[in-house]
């Protein structure tokens, strides 16, 4: 459950980074459009030309405030019903003609104008959370070095070698105390101490009533 929750948090953080990045990109486009609008409006107000000329374009570029637009902006006539492509200004009028100012810039240039602090913050949070979760998961699943007595080690090896990890009481006594009468107290003590030693290992010893014991994963 905790693993799934951690994954959900990472996904949410990355989604927040994507959505905030998209919003920053749209804000940057809006800034470009606003600059195009003010530059074209100011150009039309001060220009004496009744058609678009190279001087008109040069004057508009001079009035732009964003350096990235100064070498990539142009003016184009609009026909009724035309759908603008790319980043452009609002429709304005030069004599009887409709015109727009266009910014021929790449997505990278637009994103370069965007405020990247919030997307970067969410991305870093997601990365750090992912790294931290991975480290905690790895630490949790790393088997600690078991401090076992020779007898405990021998019993653990018996469990691992047994089919399904099951051993009867008789098998344990016969293997660990060969030729001696069955010593329940010694066996119970050994099992109890081995259970304690395995508490942080990911394994446990289960009592099988009427049979013996079984080693299994938690």
C-alpha atoms as a PDB file:
ATOM      1  CA  UNK A   1       0.000   0.000   0.000  1.00  0.00           C
ATOM      2  CA  UNK A   2       2.791   2.404   0.897  1.00  0.00           C
ATOM      3  CA  UNK A   3       4.586   1.577  -2.356  1.00  0.00           C
ATOM      4  CA  UNK A   4       1.448   2.387  -4.375  1.00  0.00           C
ATOM      5  CA  UNK A   5       0.958   5.626  -2.439  1.00  0.00           C
ATOM      6  CA  UNK A   6       4.539   6.663  -3.156  1.00  0.00           C
ATOM      7  CA  UNK A   7       4.054   5.923  -6.867  1.00  0.00           C
ATOM      8  CA  UNK A   8       0.860   7.988  -6.919  1.00  0.00           C
ATOM      9  CA  UNK A   9       2.643  10.933  -5.294  1.00  0.00           C
ATOM     10  CA  UNK A  10       5.459  10.780  -7.878  1.00  0.00           C
ATOM     11  CA  UNK A  11       2.932  10.660 -10.737  1.00  0.00           C
ATOM     12  CA  UNK A  12       0.993  13.597  -9.288  1.00  0.00           C
ATOM     13  CA  UNK A  13       4.168  15.646  -8.925  1.00  0.00           C
ATOM     14  CA  UNK A  14       5.196  14.945 -12.523  1.00  0.00           C
ATOM     15  CA  UNK A  15       1.674  15.820 -13.722  1.00  0.00           C
ATOM     16  CA  UNK A  16       1.844  19.050 -11.739  1.00  0.00           C
ATOM     17  CA  UNK A  17       5.175  19.822 -13.428  1.00  0.00           C
ATOM     18  CA  UNK A  18       3.655  19.148 -16.865  1.00  0.00           C
ATOM     19  CA  UNK A  19       0.529  21.222 -16.250  1.00  0.00           C
ATOM     20  CA  UNK A  20       2.450  24.115 -14.699  1.00  0.00           C
ATOM     21  CA  UNK A  21       4.911  23.970 -17.613  1.00  0.00           C
ATOM     22  CA  UNK A  22       2.037  24.094 -20.090  1.00  0.00           C
ATOM     23  CA  UNK A  23       0.549  27.068 -18.265  1.00  0.00           C
ATOM     24  CA  UNK A  24       3.903  28.855 -18.259  1.00  0.00           C
ATOM     25  CA  UNK A  25       4.206  28.180 -22.002  1.00  0.00           C
ATOM     26  CA  UNK A  26       0.752  29.677 -22.629  1.00  0.00           C
ATOM     27  CA  UNK A  27       1.646  32.710 -20.523  1.00  0.00           C
ATOM     28  CA  UNK A  28       4.803  33.163 -22.599  1.00  0.00           C
ATOM     29  CA  UNK A  29       2.738  33.025 -25.803  1.00  0.00           C
ATOM     30  CA  UNK A  30       0.408  35.641 -24.337  1.00  0.00           C
ATOM     31  CA  UNK A  31       3.398  37.892 -23.580  1.00  0.00           C
ATOM     32  CA  UNK A  32       4.575  37.532 -27.191  1.00  0.00           C
ATOM     33  CA  UNK A  33       1.099  38.323 -28.559  1.00  0.00           C
ATOM     34  CA  UNK A  34       0.854  41.384 -26.308  1.00  0.00           C
ATOM     35  CA  UNK A  35       4.241  42.598 -27.570  1.00  0.00           C
ATOM     36  CA  UNK A  36       3.163  42.048 -31.175  1.00  0.00           C
ATOM     37  CA  UNK A  37      -0.074  43.945 -30.567  1.00  0.00           C
ATOM     38  CA  UNK A  38       1.576  46.968 -29.019  1.00  0.00           C
ATOM     39  CA  UNK A  39       4.339  47.071 -31.634  1.00  0.00           C
ATOM     40  CA  UNK A  40       1.967  46.767 -34.606  1.00  0.00           C
ATOM     41  CA  UNK A  41      -0.506  49.250 -33.148  1.00  0.00           C
ATOM     42  CA  UNK A  42       2.277  51.773 -32.508  1.00  0.00           C
ATOM     43  CA  UNK A  43       3.696  51.182 -35.996  1.00  0.00           C
ATOM     44  CA  UNK A  44       0.356  51.844 -37.701  1.00  0.00           C
ATOM     45  CA  UNK A  45      -0.129  54.977 -35.632  1.00  0.00           C
ATOM     46  CA  UNK A  46       3.229  56.440 -36.622  1.00  0.00           C
ATOM     47  CA  UNK A  47       3.656  55.104 -40.183  1.00  0.00           C
ATOM     48  CA  UNK A  48       2.617  57.182 -43.192  1.00  0.00           C
ATOM     49  CA  UNK A  49       2.565  54.174 -45.554  1.00  0.00           C
ATOM     50  CA  UNK A  50      -0.747  52.811 -46.791  1.00  0.00           C
ATOM     51  CA  UNK A  51       0.770  49.441 -47.700  1.00  0.00           C
ATOM     52  CA  UNK A  52       3.174  47.075 -46.004  1.00  0.00           C
ATOM     53  CA  UNK A  53       6.767  47.918 -46.902  1.00  0.00           C
ATOM     54  CA  UNK A  54      10.135  46.769 -45.572  1.00  0.00           C
ATOM     55  CA  UNK A  55      10.238  50.025 -43.623  1.00  0.00           C
ATOM     56  CA  UNK A  56       6.933  49.109 -41.975  1.00  0.00           C
ATOM     57  CA  UNK A  57       8.341  45.777 -40.835  1.00  0.00           C
ATOM     58  CA  UNK A  58      11.583  47.410 -39.696  1.00  0.00           C
ATOM     59  CA  UNK A  59       9.639  50.012 -37.709  1.00  0.00           C
ATOM     60  CA  UNK A  60       7.534  47.330 -36.037  1.00  0.00           C
ATOM     61  CA  UNK A  61      10.612  45.284 -35.127  1.00  0.00           C
ATOM     62  CA  UNK A  62      12.166  48.397 -33.613  1.00  0.00           C
ATOM     63  CA  UNK A  63       9.121  48.864 -31.383  1.00  0.00           C
ATOM     64  CA  UNK A  64       9.183  45.298 -30.054  1.00  0.00           C
ATOM     65  CA  UNK A  65      10.403  44.885 -26.488  1.00  0.00           C
ATOM     66  CA  UNK A  66      11.279  41.172 -26.635  1.00  0.00           C
ATOM     67  CA  UNK A  67      14.727  40.628 -28.211  1.00  0.00           C
ATOM     68  CA  UNK A  68      13.764  37.166 -29.466  1.00  0.00           C
ATOM     69  CA  UNK A  69      11.147  38.744 -31.764  1.00  0.00           C
ATOM     70  CA  UNK A  70      13.227  41.467 -33.362  1.00  0.00           C
ATOM     71  CA  UNK A  71      14.672  39.287 -36.139  1.00  0.00           C
ATOM     72  CA  UNK A  72      11.720  36.947 -36.605  1.00  0.00           C
ATOM     73  CA  UNK A  73       8.660  39.187 -36.854  1.00  0.00           C
ATOM     74  CA  UNK A  74       6.844  39.973 -40.087  1.00  0.00           C
ATOM     75  CA  UNK A  75       3.535  41.494 -41.176  1.00  0.00           C
ATOM     76  CA  UNK A  76       1.015  39.765 -43.436  1.00  0.00           C
ATOM     77  CA  UNK A  77      -2.320  40.643 -44.973  1.00  0.00           C
ATOM     78  CA  UNK A  78      -5.401  38.737 -43.819  1.00  0.00           C
ATOM     79  CA  UNK A  79      -8.295  37.543 -45.940  1.00  0.00           C
ATOM     80  CA  UNK A  80     -11.780  37.193 -44.479  1.00  0.00           C
ATOM     81  CA  UNK A  81     -12.128  33.842 -42.744  1.00  0.00           C
ATOM     82  CA  UNK A  82      -8.381  33.220 -42.582  1.00  0.00           C
ATOM     83  CA  UNK A  83      -7.309  31.163 -39.582  1.00  0.00           C
ATOM     84  CA  UNK A  84      -3.989  32.376 -38.227  1.00  0.00           C
ATOM     85  CA  UNK A  85      -1.131  29.895 -38.000  1.00  0.00           C
ATOM     86  CA  UNK A  86       1.515  30.238 -35.340  1.00  0.00           C
ATOM     87  CA  UNK A  87       1.828  33.132 -32.929  1.00  0.00           C
ATOM     88  CA  UNK A  88       0.324  36.345 -34.211  1.00  0.00           C
ATOM     89  CA  UNK A  89      -1.203  39.629 -33.166  1.00  0.00           C
ATOM     90  CA  UNK A  90      -4.836  40.619 -33.284  1.00  0.00           C
ATOM     91  CA  UNK A  91      -6.217  41.754 -36.627  1.00  0.00           C
ATOM     92  CA  UNK A  92      -5.523  45.421 -37.294  1.00  0.00           C
ATOM     93  CA  UNK A  93      -6.310  47.639 -40.264  1.00  0.00           C
ATOM     94  CA  UNK A  94      -4.076  49.431 -42.711  1.00  0.00           C
ATOM     95  CA  UNK A  95      -6.311  51.572 -44.936  1.00  0.00           C
ATOM     96  CA  UNK A  96      -8.952  49.071 -46.102  1.00  0.00           C
ATOM     97  CA  UNK A  97      -6.813  45.981 -45.560  1.00  0.00           C
ATOM     98  CA  UNK A  98      -6.632  43.683 -42.548  1.00  0.00           C
ATOM     99  CA  UNK A  99      -3.178  42.734 -41.310  1.00  0.00           C
ATOM    100  CA  UNK A 100      -1.508  40.780 -38.548  1.00  0.00           C
ATOM    101  CA  UNK A 101       1.952  40.724 -37.065  1.00  0.00           C
ATOM    102  CA  UNK A 102       3.519  37.273 -36.883  1.00  0.00           C
ATOM    103  CA  UNK A 103       6.339  35.920 -34.718  1.00  0.00           C
ATOM    104  CA  UNK A 104       8.265  33.165 -36.478  1.00  0.00           C
ATOM    105  CA  UNK A 105       9.741  31.622 -33.339  1.00  0.00           C
ATOM    106  CA  UNK A 106      10.253  28.026 -32.244  1.00  0.00           C
ATOM    107  CA  UNK A 107       8.641  26.314 -29.256  1.00  0.00           C
ATOM    108  CA  UNK A 108      12.048  26.347 -27.587  1.00  0.00           C
ATOM    109  CA  UNK A 109      12.224  30.125 -27.942  1.00  0.00           C
ATOM    110  CA  UNK A 110       8.747  30.513 -26.469  1.00  0.00           C
ATOM    111  CA  UNK A 111       9.578  28.187 -23.604  1.00  0.00           C
ATOM    112  CA  UNK A 112      12.739  30.190 -23.055  1.00  0.00           C
ATOM    113  CA  UNK A 113      10.513  33.156 -22.163  1.00  0.00           C
ATOM    114  CA  UNK A 114       8.356  31.078 -19.821  1.00  0.00           C
ATOM    115  CA  UNK A 115       8.689  31.086 -16.056  1.00  0.00           C
ATOM    116  CA  UNK A 116      10.201  27.668 -15.420  1.00  0.00           C
ATOM    117  CA  UNK A 117      10.562  27.925 -11.652  1.00  0.00           C
ATOM    118  CA  UNK A 118       7.319  26.148 -10.706  1.00  0.00           C
ATOM    119  CA  UNK A 119       7.653  23.292 -13.239  1.00  0.00           C
ATOM    120  CA  UNK A 120      11.283  22.840 -12.193  1.00  0.00           C
ATOM    121  CA  UNK A 121      10.299  22.786  -8.526  1.00  0.00           C
ATOM    122  CA  UNK A 122       7.650  20.099  -9.099  1.00  0.00           C
ATOM    123  CA  UNK A 123      10.072  18.067 -11.238  1.00  0.00           C
ATOM    124  CA  UNK A 124      12.798  18.220  -8.585  1.00  0.00           C
ATOM    125  CA  UNK A 125      10.306  17.230  -5.890  1.00  0.00           C
ATOM    126  CA  UNK A 126       9.231  14.247  -7.979  1.00  0.00           C
ATOM    127  CA  UNK A 127      12.839  13.187  -8.620  1.00  0.00           C
ATOM    128  CA  UNK A 128      13.860  13.535  -4.969  1.00  0.00           C
ATOM    129  CA  UNK A 129      10.721  11.691  -3.836  1.00  0.00           C
ATOM    130  CA  UNK A 130      11.451   8.918  -6.344  1.00  0.00           C
ATOM    131  CA  UNK A 131      15.062   8.606  -5.205  1.00  0.00           C
ATOM    132  CA  UNK A 132      14.066   8.670  -1.539  1.00  0.00           C
ATOM    133  CA  UNK A 133      11.362   6.045  -2.053  1.00  0.00           C
ATOM    134  CA  UNK A 134      13.784   3.818  -3.962  1.00  0.00           C
ATOM    135  CA  UNK A 135      16.377   4.099  -1.199  1.00  0.00           C
ATOM    136  CA  UNK A 136      13.816   3.299   1.510  1.00  0.00           C
ATOM    137  CA  UNK A 137      12.477   0.349  -0.482  1.00  0.00           C
ATOM    138  CA  UNK A 138      15.980  -0.966  -1.067  1.00  0.00           C
ATOM    139  CA  UNK A 139      16.864  -0.564   2.592  1.00  0.00           C
ATOM    140  CA  UNK A 140      13.647  -2.306   3.606  1.00  0.00           C
ATOM    141  CA  UNK A 141      14.286  -5.274   1.347  1.00  0.00           C
ATOM    142  CA  UNK A 142      17.970  -5.645   2.070  1.00  0.00           C
ATOM    143  CA  UNK A 143      18.419  -8.739   4.189  1.00  0.00           C
ATOM    144  CA  UNK A 144      20.300  -7.797   7.349  1.00  0.00           C
ATOM    145  CA  UNK A 145      23.273  -9.896   8.351  1.00  0.00           C
ATOM    146  CA  UNK A 146      21.949 -12.535  10.698  1.00  0.00           C
ATOM    147  CA  UNK A 147      23.799 -13.078  13.936  1.00  0.00           C
ATOM    148  CA  UNK A 148      23.266 -16.797  14.505  1.00  0.00           C
ATOM    149  CA  UNK A 149      24.896 -19.380  16.712  1.00  0.00           C
ATOM    150  CA  UNK A 150      26.298 -22.485  14.966  1.00  0.00           C
ATOM    151  CA  UNK A 151      23.273 -24.484  16.114  1.00  0.00           C
ATOM    152  CA  UNK A 152      20.833 -21.819  14.877  1.00  0.00           C
ATOM    153  CA  UNK A 153      22.657 -21.679  11.540  1.00  0.00           C
ATOM    154  CA  UNK A 154      22.461 -25.448  11.211  1.00  0.00           C
ATOM    155  CA  UNK A 155      18.727 -25.417  11.935  1.00  0.00           C
ATOM    156  CA  UNK A 156      18.129 -22.599   9.437  1.00  0.00           C
ATOM    157  CA  UNK A 157      19.993 -24.549   6.758  1.00  0.00           C
ATOM    158  CA  UNK A 158      17.805 -27.555   7.520  1.00  0.00           C
ATOM    159  CA  UNK A 159      14.664 -25.482   7.004  1.00  0.00           C
ATOM    160  CA  UNK A 160      15.964 -24.113   3.706  1.00  0.00           C
ATOM    161  CA  UNK A 161      16.829 -27.562   2.409  1.00  0.00           C
ATOM    162  CA  UNK A 162      13.512 -29.113   3.470  1.00  0.00           C
ATOM    163  CA  UNK A 163      10.601 -29.419   0.977  1.00  0.00           C
ATOM    164  CA  UNK A 164       8.303 -26.415   1.482  1.00  0.00           C
ATOM    165  CA  UNK A 165      10.538 -25.415   4.399  1.00  0.00           C
ATOM    166  CA  UNK A 166       8.791 -27.866   6.706  1.00  0.00           C
ATOM    167  CA  UNK A 167      10.489 -29.964   9.396  1.00  0.00           C
ATOM    168  CA  UNK A 168       9.001 -32.317  11.914  1.00  0.00           C
ATOM    169  CA  UNK A 169      10.135 -32.251  15.518  1.00  0.00           C
ATOM    170  CA  UNK A 170      11.585 -35.712  15.057  1.00  0.00           C
ATOM    171  CA  UNK A 171      13.673 -34.582  12.038  1.00  0.00           C
ATOM    172  CA  UNK A 172      15.056 -31.634  13.980  1.00  0.00           C
ATOM    173  CA  UNK A 173      16.010 -33.699  17.023  1.00  0.00           C
ATOM    174  CA  UNK A 174      17.388 -36.564  14.958  1.00  0.00           C
ATOM    175  CA  UNK A 175      19.615 -34.226  12.911  1.00  0.00           C
ATOM    176  CA  UNK A 176      20.797 -31.835  15.609  1.00  0.00           C
ATOM    177  CA  UNK A 177      21.038 -34.314  18.477  1.00  0.00           C
ATOM    178  CA  UNK A 178      21.831 -37.638  16.784  1.00  0.00           C
ATOM    179  CA  UNK A 179      21.870 -40.699  19.012  1.00  0.00           C
ATOM    180  CA  UNK A 180      20.351 -38.816  21.919  1.00  0.00           C
ATOM    181  CA  UNK A 181      16.858 -39.093  23.337  1.00  0.00           C
ATOM    182  CA  UNK A 182      14.407 -36.452  22.108  1.00  0.00           C
ATOM    183  CA  UNK A 183      15.055 -33.244  24.037  1.00  0.00           C
ATOM    184  CA  UNK A 184      11.967 -31.083  23.669  1.00  0.00           C
ATOM    185  CA  UNK A 185      13.172 -28.333  25.987  1.00  0.00           C
ATOM    186  CA  UNK A 186      16.414 -27.850  24.035  1.00  0.00           C
ATOM    187  CA  UNK A 187      14.571 -27.895  20.740  1.00  0.00           C
ATOM    188  CA  UNK A 188      11.919 -25.405  21.907  1.00  0.00           C
ATOM    189  CA  UNK A 189      14.642 -23.101  23.209  1.00  0.00           C
ATOM    190  CA  UNK A 190      16.510 -23.304  19.906  1.00  0.00           C
ATOM    191  CA  UNK A 191      13.362 -22.615  17.879  1.00  0.00           C
ATOM    192  CA  UNK A 192      12.416 -19.691  20.113  1.00  0.00           C
ATOM    193  CA  UNK A 193      15.847 -18.043  19.789  1.00  0.00           C
ATOM    194  CA  UNK A 194      15.910 -18.602  16.024  1.00  0.00           C
ATOM    195  CA  UNK A 195      12.484 -16.961  15.714  1.00  0.00           C
ATOM    196  CA  UNK A 196      13.847 -13.923  17.533  1.00  0.00           C
ATOM    197  CA  UNK A 197      16.927 -13.786  15.298  1.00  0.00           C
ATOM    198  CA  UNK A 198      14.766 -13.872  12.150  1.00  0.00           C
ATOM    199  CA  UNK A 199      12.441 -11.017  13.161  1.00  0.00           C
ATOM    200  CA  UNK A 200      14.042  -8.449  10.792  1.00  0.00           C
ATOM    201  CA  UNK A 201      15.022 -10.871   8.036  1.00  0.00           C
ATOM    202  CA  UNK A 202      11.724 -11.138   6.178  1.00  0.00           C
ATOM    203  CA  UNK A 203      11.281 -14.744   7.305  1.00  0.00           C
ATOM    204  CA  UNK A 204       9.437 -16.345  10.182  1.00  0.00           C
ATOM    205  CA  UNK A 205       9.000 -19.797  11.662  1.00  0.00           C
ATOM    206  CA  UNK A 206       5.442 -21.024  11.805  1.00  0.00           C
ATOM    207  CA  UNK A 207       4.331 -23.714  14.225  1.00  0.00           C
ATOM    208  CA  UNK A 208       2.516 -26.601  12.517  1.00  0.00           C
ATOM    209  CA  UNK A 209       0.462 -28.208  15.238  1.00  0.00           C
ATOM    210  CA  UNK A 210       0.788 -31.956  15.374  1.00  0.00           C
ATOM    211  CA  UNK A 211       3.736 -31.915  12.949  1.00  0.00           C
ATOM    212  CA  UNK A 212       6.527 -29.461  13.606  1.00  0.00           C
ATOM    213  CA  UNK A 213       7.628 -26.160  12.114  1.00  0.00           C
ATOM    214  CA  UNK A 214       7.765 -24.348   8.782  1.00  0.00           C
ATOM    215  CA  UNK A 215      10.055 -21.555   7.552  1.00  0.00           C
ATOM    216  CA  UNK A 216       8.184 -19.050   5.376  1.00  0.00           C
ATOM    217  CA  UNK A 217       8.377 -15.475   4.129  1.00  0.00           C
ATOM    218  CA  UNK A 218       6.443 -12.853   6.042  1.00  0.00           C
END
